[in-house]
């Protein structure tokens, strides 16, 4: 299991479902990244965008539940936790 860094110090972090269970995180919603017209063209861009959207929702962590590469775009749905 990965160690989680203090969330108060930055952007929402990607975690695993096991970490959600272990740390008893609370789900606060979902976020979606899609139809970005090529603006999210790499996995790192996708993680940055998911983190930003999780932050906007008040989350500290996110778990990707679905992702795909569609043409020049990377798209995903993630659950957001605090």
PDB file of N, CA and C in Angstrom:
ATOM      1  N   UNK A   1       0.844  -1.178   0.000  1.00  0.00           N
ATOM      2  CA  UNK A   1       0.000   0.000   0.000  1.00  0.00           C
ATOM      3  C   UNK A   1       0.892   1.244   0.000  1.00  0.00           C
ATOM      4  N   UNK A   2       0.535   2.214  -0.775  1.00  0.00           N
ATOM      5  CA  UNK A   2       1.306   3.451  -0.860  1.00  0.00           C
ATOM      6  C   UNK A   2       1.082   4.315   0.368  1.00  0.00           C
ATOM      7  N   UNK A   3       2.097   5.042   0.754  1.00  0.00           N
ATOM      8  CA  UNK A   3       1.943   6.009   1.831  1.00  0.00           C
ATOM      9  C   UNK A   3       1.297   7.261   1.280  1.00  0.00           C
ATOM     10  N   UNK A   4       0.357   7.813   2.021  1.00  0.00           N
ATOM     11  CA  UNK A   4      -0.303   9.039   1.584  1.00  0.00           C
ATOM     12  C   UNK A   4       0.410  10.228   2.216  1.00  0.00           C
ATOM     13  N   UNK A   5       0.693  11.229   1.410  1.00  0.00           N
ATOM     14  CA  UNK A   5       1.322  12.458   1.874  1.00  0.00           C
ATOM     15  C   UNK A   5       0.231  13.364   2.415  1.00  0.00           C
ATOM     16  N   UNK A   6       0.550  14.205   3.355  1.00  0.00           N
ATOM     17  CA  UNK A   6      -0.424  15.133   3.915  1.00  0.00           C
ATOM     18  C   UNK A   6      -1.139  15.896   2.814  1.00  0.00           C
ATOM     19  N   UNK A   7      -2.463  15.826   2.820  1.00  0.00           N
ATOM     20  CA  UNK A   7      -3.251  16.426   1.747  1.00  0.00           C
ATOM     21  C   UNK A   7      -3.415  17.929   1.901  1.00  0.00           C
ATOM     22  N   UNK A   8      -3.130  18.470   3.065  1.00  0.00           N
ATOM     23  CA  UNK A   8      -3.303  19.889   3.262  1.00  0.00           C
ATOM     24  C   UNK A   8      -2.294  20.722   2.488  1.00  0.00           C
ATOM     25  N   UNK A   9      -1.303  20.060   1.909  1.00  0.00           N
ATOM     26  CA  UNK A   9      -0.203  20.787   1.296  1.00  0.00           C
ATOM     27  C   UNK A   9      -0.284  20.894  -0.217  1.00  0.00           C
ATOM     28  N   UNK A  10      -1.426  20.605  -0.839  1.00  0.00           N
ATOM     29  CA  UNK A  10      -1.442  20.747  -2.283  1.00  0.00           C
ATOM     30  C   UNK A  10      -2.663  20.168  -2.934  1.00  0.00           C
ATOM     31  N   UNK A  11      -2.473  19.765  -4.164  1.00  0.00           N
ATOM     32  CA  UNK A  11      -3.557  19.283  -5.007  1.00  0.00           C
ATOM     33  C   UNK A  11      -4.052  17.912  -4.561  1.00  0.00           C
ATOM     34  N   UNK A  12      -5.277  17.589  -4.975  1.00  0.00           N
ATOM     35  CA  UNK A  12      -5.844  16.271  -4.685  1.00  0.00           C
ATOM     36  C   UNK A  12      -4.940  15.193  -5.264  1.00  0.00           C
ATOM     37  N   UNK A  13      -4.829  14.087  -4.542  1.00  0.00           N
ATOM     38  CA  UNK A  13      -3.917  13.013  -4.912  1.00  0.00           C
ATOM     39  C   UNK A  13      -4.665  11.782  -5.390  1.00  0.00           C
ATOM     40  N   UNK A  14      -4.083  11.080  -6.341  1.00  0.00           N
ATOM     41  CA  UNK A  14      -4.584   9.794  -6.797  1.00  0.00           C
ATOM     42  C   UNK A  14      -4.293   8.758  -5.723  1.00  0.00           C
ATOM     43  N   UNK A  15      -5.320   7.977  -5.330  1.00  0.00           N
ATOM     44  CA  UNK A  15      -5.156   6.883  -4.376  1.00  0.00           C
ATOM     45  C   UNK A  15      -5.835   5.644  -4.935  1.00  0.00           C
ATOM     46  N   UNK A  16      -5.585   4.502  -4.304  1.00  0.00           N
ATOM     47  CA  UNK A  16      -6.204   3.243  -4.721  1.00  0.00           C
ATOM     48  C   UNK A  16      -7.474   2.986  -3.913  1.00  0.00           C
ATOM     49  N   UNK A  17      -8.300   2.055  -4.390  1.00  0.00           N
ATOM     50  CA  UNK A  17      -9.500   1.651  -3.645  1.00  0.00           C
ATOM     51  C   UNK A  17      -9.110   1.074  -2.289  1.00  0.00           C
ATOM     52  N   UNK A  18      -7.981   0.351  -2.236  1.00  0.00           N
ATOM     53  CA  UNK A  18      -7.507  -0.201  -0.961  1.00  0.00           C
ATOM     54  C   UNK A  18      -7.206   0.910   0.040  1.00  0.00           C
ATOM     55  N   UNK A  19      -6.603   2.002  -0.430  1.00  0.00           N
ATOM     56  CA  UNK A  19      -6.313   3.127   0.457  1.00  0.00           C
ATOM     57  C   UNK A  19      -7.598   3.796   0.929  1.00  0.00           C
ATOM     58  N   UNK A  20      -8.597   3.892   0.059  1.00  0.00           N
ATOM     59  CA  UNK A  20      -9.893   4.456   0.451  1.00  0.00           C
ATOM     60  C   UNK A  20     -10.460   3.663   1.621  1.00  0.00           C
ATOM     61  N   UNK A  21     -10.427   2.333   1.513  1.00  0.00           N
ATOM     62  CA  UNK A  21     -10.944   1.468   2.579  1.00  0.00           C
ATOM     63  C   UNK A  21     -10.087   1.565   3.836  1.00  0.00           C
ATOM     64  N   UNK A  22      -8.779   1.467   3.665  1.00  0.00           N
ATOM     65  CA  UNK A  22      -7.866   1.459   4.810  1.00  0.00           C
ATOM     66  C   UNK A  22      -7.967   2.746   5.630  1.00  0.00           C
ATOM     67  N   UNK A  23      -8.002   3.881   4.954  1.00  0.00           N
ATOM     68  CA  UNK A  23      -8.040   5.169   5.639  1.00  0.00           C
ATOM     69  C   UNK A  23      -9.460   5.670   5.892  1.00  0.00           C
ATOM     70  N   UNK A  24     -10.455   4.855   5.504  1.00  0.00           N
ATOM     71  CA  UNK A  24     -11.871   5.192   5.722  1.00  0.00           C
ATOM     72  C   UNK A  24     -12.208   6.587   5.191  1.00  0.00           C
ATOM     73  N   UNK A  25     -11.811   6.833   3.939  1.00  0.00           N
ATOM     74  CA  UNK A  25     -12.084   8.117   3.303  1.00  0.00           C
ATOM     75  C   UNK A  25     -13.568   8.228   2.974  1.00  0.00           C
ATOM     76  N   UNK A  26     -14.079   9.440   2.942  1.00  0.00           N
ATOM     77  CA  UNK A  26     -15.487   9.707   2.679  1.00  0.00           C
ATOM     78  C   UNK A  26     -15.664  10.197   1.245  1.00  0.00           C
ATOM     79  N   UNK A  27     -16.516   9.497   0.483  1.00  0.00           N
ATOM     80  CA  UNK A  27     -16.793   9.900  -0.899  1.00  0.00           C
ATOM     81  C   UNK A  27     -17.661  11.151  -0.896  1.00  0.00           C
ATOM     82  N   UNK A  28     -17.269  12.128  -1.721  1.00  0.00           N
ATOM     83  CA  UNK A  28     -18.050  13.364  -1.802  1.00  0.00           C
ATOM     84  C   UNK A  28     -18.595  13.628  -3.200  1.00  0.00           C
ATOM     85  N   UNK A  29     -18.320  12.736  -4.145  1.00  0.00           N
ATOM     86  CA  UNK A  29     -18.861  12.915  -5.488  1.00  0.00           C
ATOM     87  C   UNK A  29     -17.970  12.308  -6.550  1.00  0.00           C
ATOM     88  N   UNK A  30     -18.248  12.690  -7.797  1.00  0.00           N
ATOM     89  CA  UNK A  30     -17.448  12.226  -8.927  1.00  0.00           C
ATOM     90  C   UNK A  30     -17.082  13.416  -9.808  1.00  0.00           C
ATOM     91  N   UNK A  31     -16.033  13.234 -10.584  1.00  0.00           N
ATOM     92  CA  UNK A  31     -15.625  14.232 -11.575  1.00  0.00           C
ATOM     93  C   UNK A  31     -15.375  13.514 -12.892  1.00  0.00           C
ATOM     94  N   UNK A  32     -15.546  14.247 -13.983  1.00  0.00           N
ATOM     95  CA  UNK A  32     -15.371  13.692 -15.320  1.00  0.00           C
ATOM     96  C   UNK A  32     -14.495  14.622 -16.146  1.00  0.00           C
ATOM     97  N   UNK A  33     -13.593  14.029 -16.906  1.00  0.00           N
ATOM     98  CA  UNK A  33     -12.787  14.772 -17.877  1.00  0.00           C
ATOM     99  C   UNK A  33     -13.067  14.143 -19.227  1.00  0.00           C
ATOM    100  N   UNK A  34     -13.669  14.917 -20.137  1.00  0.00           N
ATOM    101  CA  UNK A  34     -13.923  14.429 -21.494  1.00  0.00           C
ATOM    102  C   UNK A  34     -14.167  15.588 -22.439  1.00  0.00           C
ATOM    103  N   UNK A  35     -14.154  15.296 -23.731  1.00  0.00           N
ATOM    104  CA  UNK A  35     -14.379  16.313 -24.761  1.00  0.00           C
ATOM    105  C   UNK A  35     -13.485  17.537 -24.565  1.00  0.00           C
ATOM    106  N   UNK A  36     -12.180  17.297 -24.408  1.00  0.00           N
ATOM    107  CA  UNK A  36     -11.248  18.389 -24.128  1.00  0.00           C
ATOM    108  C   UNK A  36     -10.606  18.966 -25.385  1.00  0.00           C
ATOM    109  N   UNK A  37     -11.023  18.504 -26.562  1.00  0.00           N
ATOM    110  CA  UNK A  37     -10.497  19.017 -27.831  1.00  0.00           C
ATOM    111  C   UNK A  37      -8.970  18.916 -27.901  1.00  0.00           C
ATOM    112  N   UNK A  38      -8.422  17.836 -27.345  1.00  0.00           N
ATOM    113  CA  UNK A  38      -6.982  17.620 -27.400  1.00  0.00           C
ATOM    114  C   UNK A  38      -6.192  18.279 -26.288  1.00  0.00           C
ATOM    115  N   UNK A  39      -6.857  19.035 -25.405  1.00  0.00           N
ATOM    116  CA  UNK A  39      -6.156  19.722 -24.319  1.00  0.00           C
ATOM    117  C   UNK A  39      -5.601  18.742 -23.286  1.00  0.00           C
ATOM    118  N   UNK A  40      -6.209  17.568 -23.174  1.00  0.00           N
ATOM    119  CA  UNK A  40      -5.735  16.530 -22.259  1.00  0.00           C
ATOM    120  C   UNK A  40      -5.196  15.409 -23.136  1.00  0.00           C
ATOM    121  N   UNK A  41      -3.948  15.565 -23.559  1.00  0.00           N
ATOM    122  CA  UNK A  41      -3.370  14.669 -24.550  1.00  0.00           C
ATOM    123  C   UNK A  41      -2.378  13.659 -24.014  1.00  0.00           C
ATOM    124  N   UNK A  42      -2.263  13.549 -22.683  1.00  0.00           N
ATOM    125  CA  UNK A  42      -1.342  12.578 -22.095  1.00  0.00           C
ATOM    126  C   UNK A  42      -1.884  12.131 -20.741  1.00  0.00           C
ATOM    127  N   UNK A  43      -1.405  10.998 -20.237  1.00  0.00           N
ATOM    128  CA  UNK A  43      -1.840  10.560 -18.906  1.00  0.00           C
ATOM    129  C   UNK A  43      -1.529  11.592 -17.814  1.00  0.00           C
ATOM    130  N   UNK A  44      -0.393  12.274 -17.905  1.00  0.00           N
ATOM    131  CA  UNK A  44      -0.078  13.271 -16.875  1.00  0.00           C
ATOM    132  C   UNK A  44      -1.027  14.467 -16.955  1.00  0.00           C
ATOM    133  N   UNK A  45      -1.414  14.874 -18.170  1.00  0.00           N
ATOM    134  CA  UNK A  45      -2.425  15.934 -18.317  1.00  0.00           C
ATOM    135  C   UNK A  45      -3.742  15.499 -17.680  1.00  0.00           C
ATOM    136  N   UNK A  46      -4.103  14.236 -17.890  1.00  0.00           N
ATOM    137  CA  UNK A  46      -5.348  13.701 -17.330  1.00  0.00           C
ATOM    138  C   UNK A  46      -5.311  13.754 -15.809  1.00  0.00           C
ATOM    139  N   UNK A  47      -4.208  13.317 -15.206  1.00  0.00           N
ATOM    140  CA  UNK A  47      -4.095  13.357 -13.746  1.00  0.00           C
ATOM    141  C   UNK A  47      -4.161  14.790 -13.231  1.00  0.00           C
ATOM    142  N   UNK A  48      -3.517  15.717 -13.922  1.00  0.00           N
ATOM    143  CA  UNK A  48      -3.566  17.126 -13.515  1.00  0.00           C
ATOM    144  C   UNK A  48      -4.995  17.655 -13.539  1.00  0.00           C
ATOM    145  N   UNK A  49      -5.732  17.330 -14.588  1.00  0.00           N
ATOM    146  CA  UNK A  49      -7.112  17.819 -14.723  1.00  0.00           C
ATOM    147  C   UNK A  49      -8.031  17.181 -13.683  1.00  0.00           C
ATOM    148  N   UNK A  50      -7.873  15.878 -13.439  1.00  0.00           N
ATOM    149  CA  UNK A  50      -8.684  15.214 -12.414  1.00  0.00           C
ATOM    150  C   UNK A  50      -8.386  15.801 -11.037  1.00  0.00           C
ATOM    151  N   UNK A  51      -7.128  16.056 -10.742  1.00  0.00           N
ATOM    152  CA  UNK A  51      -6.743  16.643  -9.465  1.00  0.00           C
ATOM    153  C   UNK A  51      -7.369  18.027  -9.300  1.00  0.00           C
ATOM    154  N   UNK A  52      -7.310  18.828 -10.353  1.00  0.00           N
ATOM    155  CA  UNK A  52      -7.903  20.173 -10.325  1.00  0.00           C
ATOM    156  C   UNK A  52      -9.406  20.104 -10.063  1.00  0.00           C
ATOM    157  N   UNK A  53     -10.095  19.202 -10.766  1.00  0.00           N
ATOM    158  CA  UNK A  53     -11.547  19.081 -10.593  1.00  0.00           C
ATOM    159  C   UNK A  53     -11.902  18.549  -9.207  1.00  0.00           C
ATOM    160  N   UNK A  54     -11.095  17.624  -8.682  1.00  0.00           N
ATOM    161  CA  UNK A  54     -11.327  17.121  -7.323  1.00  0.00           C
ATOM    162  C   UNK A  54     -11.135  18.244  -6.305  1.00  0.00           C
ATOM    163  N   UNK A  55     -10.111  19.074  -6.504  1.00  0.00           N
ATOM    164  CA  UNK A  55      -9.887  20.237  -5.635  1.00  0.00           C
ATOM    165  C   UNK A  55     -11.106  21.154  -5.642  1.00  0.00           C
ATOM    166  N   UNK A  56     -11.624  21.442  -6.832  1.00  0.00           N
ATOM    167  CA  UNK A  56     -12.779  22.336  -6.967  1.00  0.00           C
ATOM    168  C   UNK A  56     -14.001  21.783  -6.242  1.00  0.00           C
ATOM    169  N   UNK A  57     -14.088  20.467  -6.125  1.00  0.00           N
ATOM    170  CA  UNK A  57     -15.209  19.815  -5.455  1.00  0.00           C
ATOM    171  C   UNK A  57     -14.979  19.715  -3.943  1.00  0.00           C
ATOM    172  N   UNK A  58     -13.799  20.141  -3.486  1.00  0.00           N
ATOM    173  CA  UNK A  58     -13.482  20.084  -2.062  1.00  0.00           C
ATOM    174  C   UNK A  58     -12.820  18.785  -1.637  1.00  0.00           C
ATOM    175  N   UNK A  59     -12.368  17.999  -2.601  1.00  0.00           N
ATOM    176  CA  UNK A  59     -11.745  16.716  -2.291  1.00  0.00           C
ATOM    177  C   UNK A  59     -10.252  16.817  -2.062  1.00  0.00           C
ATOM    178  N   UNK A  60      -9.735  15.797  -1.382  1.00  0.00           N
ATOM    179  CA  UNK A  60      -8.295  15.695  -1.141  1.00  0.00           C
ATOM    180  C   UNK A  60      -7.690  14.533  -1.911  1.00  0.00           C
ATOM    181  N   UNK A  61      -8.539  13.588  -2.318  1.00  0.00           N
ATOM    182  CA  UNK A  61      -8.085  12.375  -2.999  1.00  0.00           C
ATOM    183  C   UNK A  61      -9.064  12.019  -4.107  1.00  0.00           C
ATOM    184  N   UNK A  62      -8.585  11.243  -5.090  1.00  0.00           N
ATOM    185  CA  UNK A  62      -9.477  10.725  -6.123  1.00  0.00           C
ATOM    186  C   UNK A  62      -9.031   9.338  -6.553  1.00  0.00           C
ATOM    187  N   UNK A  63     -10.011   8.544  -7.016  1.00  0.00           N
ATOM    188  CA  UNK A  63      -9.774   7.199  -7.535  1.00  0.00           C
ATOM    189  C   UNK A  63     -10.349   7.150  -8.942  1.00  0.00           C
ATOM    190  N   UNK A  64      -9.541   6.806  -9.921  1.00  0.00           N
ATOM    191  CA  UNK A  64     -10.029   6.685 -11.295  1.00  0.00           C
ATOM    192  C   UNK A  64     -10.843   5.398 -11.407  1.00  0.00           C
ATOM    193  N   UNK A  65     -12.103   5.532 -11.840  1.00  0.00           N
ATOM    194  CA  UNK A  65     -12.957   4.350 -11.977  1.00  0.00           C
ATOM    195  C   UNK A  65     -13.155   3.950 -13.436  1.00  0.00           C
ATOM    196  N   UNK A  66     -12.860   4.844 -14.360  1.00  0.00           N
ATOM    197  CA  UNK A  66     -12.924   4.523 -15.793  1.00  0.00           C
ATOM    198  C   UNK A  66     -12.036   5.513 -16.535  1.00  0.00           C
ATOM    199  N   UNK A  67     -11.296   5.009 -17.526  1.00  0.00           N
ATOM    200  CA  UNK A  67     -10.432   5.890 -18.319  1.00  0.00           C
ATOM    201  C   UNK A  67     -10.214   5.272 -19.688  1.00  0.00           C
ATOM    202  N   UNK A  68      -9.996   6.152 -20.675  1.00  0.00           N
ATOM    203  CA  UNK A  68      -9.694   5.670 -22.021  1.00  0.00           C
ATOM    204  C   UNK A  68      -8.990   6.765 -22.804  1.00  0.00           C
ATOM    205  N   UNK A  69      -8.306   6.309 -23.846  1.00  0.00           N
ATOM    206  CA  UNK A  69      -7.726   7.233 -24.815  1.00  0.00           C
ATOM    207  C   UNK A  69      -8.677   7.247 -26.003  1.00  0.00           C
ATOM    208  N   UNK A  70      -9.136   8.430 -26.384  1.00  0.00           N
ATOM    209  CA  UNK A  70     -10.108   8.571 -27.468  1.00  0.00           C
ATOM    210  C   UNK A  70      -9.555   9.592 -28.454  1.00  0.00           C
ATOM    211  N   UNK A  71      -8.976   9.101 -29.541  1.00  0.00           N
ATOM    212  CA  UNK A  71      -8.329  10.012 -30.491  1.00  0.00           C
ATOM    213  C   UNK A  71      -7.198  10.744 -29.799  1.00  0.00           C
ATOM    214  N   UNK A  72      -7.168  12.085 -29.906  1.00  0.00           N
ATOM    215  CA  UNK A  72      -6.087  12.847 -29.274  1.00  0.00           C
ATOM    216  C   UNK A  72      -6.337  13.135 -27.791  1.00  0.00           C
ATOM    217  N   UNK A  73      -7.435  12.636 -27.246  1.00  0.00           N
ATOM    218  CA  UNK A  73      -7.822  12.945 -25.870  1.00  0.00           C
ATOM    219  C   UNK A  73      -7.687  11.750 -24.943  1.00  0.00           C
ATOM    220  N   UNK A  74      -7.408  12.041 -23.683  1.00  0.00           N
ATOM    221  CA  UNK A  74      -7.546  11.068 -22.610  1.00  0.00           C
ATOM    222  C   UNK A  74      -8.763  11.500 -21.815  1.00  0.00           C
ATOM    223  N   UNK A  75      -9.645  10.552 -21.504  1.00  0.00           N
ATOM    224  CA  UNK A  75     -10.882  10.845 -20.791  1.00  0.00           C
ATOM    225  C   UNK A  75     -10.974   9.938 -19.578  1.00  0.00           C
ATOM    226  N   UNK A  76     -11.648  10.406 -18.515  1.00  0.00           N
ATOM    227  CA  UNK A  76     -11.771   9.589 -17.314  1.00  0.00           C
ATOM    228  C   UNK A  76     -12.916  10.060 -16.439  1.00  0.00           C
ATOM    229  N   UNK A  77     -13.343   9.142 -15.580  1.00  0.00           N
ATOM    230  CA  UNK A  77     -14.287   9.425 -14.504  1.00  0.00           C
ATOM    231  C   UNK A  77     -13.587   9.006 -13.218  1.00  0.00           C
ATOM    232  N   UNK A  78     -13.678   9.838 -12.190  1.00  0.00           N
ATOM    233  CA  UNK A  78     -13.037   9.529 -10.911  1.00  0.00           C
ATOM    234  C   UNK A  78     -13.981   9.834  -9.760  1.00  0.00           C
ATOM    235  N   UNK A  79     -13.884   9.014  -8.717  1.00  0.00           N
ATOM    236  CA  UNK A  79     -14.596   9.284  -7.473  1.00  0.00           C
ATOM    237  C   UNK A  79     -13.707  10.189  -6.626  1.00  0.00           C
ATOM    238  N   UNK A  80     -14.326  11.143  -5.934  1.00  0.00           N
ATOM    239  CA  UNK A  80     -13.592  12.122  -5.132  1.00  0.00           C
ATOM    240  C   UNK A  80     -13.860  11.852  -3.650  1.00  0.00           C
ATOM    241  N   UNK A  81     -12.801  11.932  -2.847  1.00  0.00           N
ATOM    242  CA  UNK A  81     -12.879  11.630  -1.412  1.00  0.00           C
ATOM    243  C   UNK A  81     -12.237  12.732  -0.590  1.00  0.00           C
ATOM    244  N   UNK A  82     -12.658  12.777   0.683  1.00  0.00           N
ATOM    245  CA  UNK A  82     -11.995  13.670   1.636  1.00  0.00           C
ATOM    246  C   UNK A  82     -11.658  12.888   2.874  1.00  0.00           C
TER     247      UNK A  82
END
